[in-house]
């Protein structure tokens, strides 16, 4: 999997509300997790590759060891976080005026 990014973009929905009244303990999902969950499938497929050879290279395993039933979801999840990290980085550039 990808290395955990230090800056996860902060909370996706920073409402400060918790059903039990203690909002300090509940931050909810991170912006990074939200973006990864909503990463477009076609973009994730492009990131990880459409073939077993490309997907196994993306995962850092030998093609002979690639088992689609197991490794496709791992590759897809990794690609979703690559997408999320790129979106967070692009957002920072826009905010900083460097885009």
C-alpha atoms as a PDB file:
ATOM      1  CA  UNK A   1       0.000   0.000   0.000  1.00  0.00           C
ATOM      2  CA  UNK A   2       1.052   3.627  -0.262  1.00  0.00           C
ATOM      3  CA  UNK A   3       2.804   5.290   2.598  1.00  0.00           C
ATOM      4  CA  UNK A   4       0.383   7.169   4.823  1.00  0.00           C
ATOM      5  CA  UNK A   5       0.468  10.822   3.908  1.00  0.00           C
ATOM      6  CA  UNK A   6       1.222  13.124   6.854  1.00  0.00           C
ATOM      7  CA  UNK A   7      -1.284  15.723   5.658  1.00  0.00           C
ATOM      8  CA  UNK A   8      -4.598  13.950   5.185  1.00  0.00           C
ATOM      9  CA  UNK A   9      -6.380  17.160   4.225  1.00  0.00           C
ATOM     10  CA  UNK A  10      -8.105  17.524   7.591  1.00  0.00           C
ATOM     11  CA  UNK A  11     -11.622  16.357   8.370  1.00  0.00           C
ATOM     12  CA  UNK A  12     -13.984  15.916   5.432  1.00  0.00           C
ATOM     13  CA  UNK A  13     -17.005  17.195   7.364  1.00  0.00           C
ATOM     14  CA  UNK A  14     -15.764  19.367  10.269  1.00  0.00           C
ATOM     15  CA  UNK A  15     -19.082  19.942  12.004  1.00  0.00           C
ATOM     16  CA  UNK A  16     -17.938  19.486  15.569  1.00  0.00           C
ATOM     17  CA  UNK A  17     -21.014  17.414  16.351  1.00  0.00           C
ATOM     18  CA  UNK A  18     -21.056  14.061  18.065  1.00  0.00           C
ATOM     19  CA  UNK A  19     -24.309  12.243  18.952  1.00  0.00           C
ATOM     20  CA  UNK A  20     -23.135  11.792  22.539  1.00  0.00           C
ATOM     21  CA  UNK A  21     -22.183  15.440  22.915  1.00  0.00           C
ATOM     22  CA  UNK A  22     -18.391  14.952  22.910  1.00  0.00           C
ATOM     23  CA  UNK A  23     -17.200  16.491  19.654  1.00  0.00           C
ATOM     24  CA  UNK A  24     -13.511  16.583  20.621  1.00  0.00           C
ATOM     25  CA  UNK A  25     -13.170  12.805  20.290  1.00  0.00           C
ATOM     26  CA  UNK A  26     -14.884  12.504  16.920  1.00  0.00           C
ATOM     27  CA  UNK A  27     -13.343  14.008  13.803  1.00  0.00           C
ATOM     28  CA  UNK A  28     -15.015  11.696  11.315  1.00  0.00           C
ATOM     29  CA  UNK A  29     -13.447  10.681   8.038  1.00  0.00           C
ATOM     30  CA  UNK A  30     -10.429  12.559   6.732  1.00  0.00           C
ATOM     31  CA  UNK A  31     -10.553  14.558   3.529  1.00  0.00           C
ATOM     32  CA  UNK A  32      -8.041  12.056   2.068  1.00  0.00           C
ATOM     33  CA  UNK A  33     -10.303   9.103   2.888  1.00  0.00           C
ATOM     34  CA  UNK A  34     -13.292  10.941   1.403  1.00  0.00           C
ATOM     35  CA  UNK A  35     -11.455  11.658  -1.840  1.00  0.00           C
ATOM     36  CA  UNK A  36     -10.192   8.062  -2.051  1.00  0.00           C
ATOM     37  CA  UNK A  37     -13.707   6.721  -1.509  1.00  0.00           C
ATOM     38  CA  UNK A  38     -14.962   8.882  -4.385  1.00  0.00           C
ATOM     39  CA  UNK A  39     -12.060   8.319  -6.770  1.00  0.00           C
ATOM     40  CA  UNK A  40     -13.429   7.712 -10.284  1.00  0.00           C
ATOM     41  CA  UNK A  41     -13.057   4.098 -11.381  1.00  0.00           C
ATOM     42  CA  UNK A  42     -11.717   4.975 -14.829  1.00  0.00           C
ATOM     43  CA  UNK A  43      -8.970   7.115 -13.308  1.00  0.00           C
ATOM     44  CA  UNK A  44      -8.055   4.401 -10.787  1.00  0.00           C
ATOM     45  CA  UNK A  45      -7.898   1.877 -13.636  1.00  0.00           C
ATOM     46  CA  UNK A  46      -5.512   4.182 -15.507  1.00  0.00           C
ATOM     47  CA  UNK A  47      -3.329   4.660 -12.418  1.00  0.00           C
ATOM     48  CA  UNK A  48      -3.010   0.955 -11.637  1.00  0.00           C
ATOM     49  CA  UNK A  49      -3.034  -0.361 -15.191  1.00  0.00           C
ATOM     50  CA  UNK A  50      -5.464  -2.429 -17.210  1.00  0.00           C
ATOM     51  CA  UNK A  51      -3.320  -5.540 -17.400  1.00  0.00           C
ATOM     52  CA  UNK A  52      -1.961  -7.994 -14.858  1.00  0.00           C
ATOM     53  CA  UNK A  53       1.568  -6.948 -15.841  1.00  0.00           C
ATOM     54  CA  UNK A  54       0.937  -3.257 -15.131  1.00  0.00           C
ATOM     55  CA  UNK A  55      -1.112  -3.881 -11.987  1.00  0.00           C
ATOM     56  CA  UNK A  56       1.500  -6.225 -10.544  1.00  0.00           C
ATOM     57  CA  UNK A  57       4.226  -3.661 -11.275  1.00  0.00           C
ATOM     58  CA  UNK A  58       2.086  -0.991  -9.589  1.00  0.00           C
ATOM     59  CA  UNK A  59       1.848  -3.241  -6.504  1.00  0.00           C
ATOM     60  CA  UNK A  60       5.531  -4.156  -6.615  1.00  0.00           C
ATOM     61  CA  UNK A  61       4.978  -7.884  -7.090  1.00  0.00           C
ATOM     62  CA  UNK A  62       5.968 -10.299  -9.837  1.00  0.00           C
ATOM     63  CA  UNK A  63       3.395 -10.814 -12.570  1.00  0.00           C
ATOM     64  CA  UNK A  64       3.430 -14.566 -11.924  1.00  0.00           C
ATOM     65  CA  UNK A  65       2.319 -13.892  -8.328  1.00  0.00           C
ATOM     66  CA  UNK A  66      -0.569 -11.608  -9.361  1.00  0.00           C
ATOM     67  CA  UNK A  67      -3.949 -13.188  -8.559  1.00  0.00           C
ATOM     68  CA  UNK A  68      -6.768 -10.981  -9.900  1.00  0.00           C
ATOM     69  CA  UNK A  69      -9.299 -12.047  -7.258  1.00  0.00           C
ATOM     70  CA  UNK A  70      -6.928 -10.905  -4.523  1.00  0.00           C
ATOM     71  CA  UNK A  71      -4.714  -8.224  -5.969  1.00  0.00           C
ATOM     72  CA  UNK A  72      -7.206  -6.216  -8.036  1.00  0.00           C
ATOM     73  CA  UNK A  73      -8.863  -4.746  -4.934  1.00  0.00           C
ATOM     74  CA  UNK A  74      -5.506  -4.012  -3.327  1.00  0.00           C
ATOM     75  CA  UNK A  75      -4.336  -2.230  -6.482  1.00  0.00           C
ATOM     76  CA  UNK A  76      -7.628  -0.346  -6.768  1.00  0.00           C
ATOM     77  CA  UNK A  77      -7.431   0.857  -3.157  1.00  0.00           C
ATOM     78  CA  UNK A  78      -3.831   1.960  -3.613  1.00  0.00           C
ATOM     79  CA  UNK A  79      -4.764   3.802  -6.828  1.00  0.00           C
ATOM     80  CA  UNK A  80      -7.643   5.545  -5.043  1.00  0.00           C
ATOM     81  CA  UNK A  81      -5.213   6.932  -2.453  1.00  0.00           C
ATOM     82  CA  UNK A  82      -2.781   8.008  -5.173  1.00  0.00           C
ATOM     83  CA  UNK A  83      -5.708   9.941  -6.665  1.00  0.00           C
ATOM     84  CA  UNK A  84      -6.633  11.429  -3.266  1.00  0.00           C
ATOM     85  CA  UNK A  85      -3.038  12.520  -2.594  1.00  0.00           C
ATOM     86  CA  UNK A  86      -2.884  14.212  -5.999  1.00  0.00           C
ATOM     87  CA  UNK A  87      -6.158  16.038  -5.337  1.00  0.00           C
ATOM     88  CA  UNK A  88      -4.927  17.291  -1.941  1.00  0.00           C
ATOM     89  CA  UNK A  89      -1.631  18.444  -3.473  1.00  0.00           C
ATOM     90  CA  UNK A  90      -3.461  20.247  -6.300  1.00  0.00           C
ATOM     91  CA  UNK A  91      -5.778  21.906  -3.792  1.00  0.00           C
ATOM     92  CA  UNK A  92      -2.792  23.240  -1.845  1.00  0.00           C
ATOM     93  CA  UNK A  93      -1.267  24.640  -5.032  1.00  0.00           C
ATOM     94  CA  UNK A  94      -4.500  26.452  -5.851  1.00  0.00           C
ATOM     95  CA  UNK A  95      -4.790  27.847  -2.319  1.00  0.00           C
ATOM     96  CA  UNK A  96      -1.143  28.986  -2.370  1.00  0.00           C
ATOM     97  CA  UNK A  97      -1.469  30.518  -5.824  1.00  0.00           C
ATOM     98  CA  UNK A  98       1.212  28.256  -7.286  1.00  0.00           C
ATOM     99  CA  UNK A  99      -1.078  26.305  -9.632  1.00  0.00           C
END
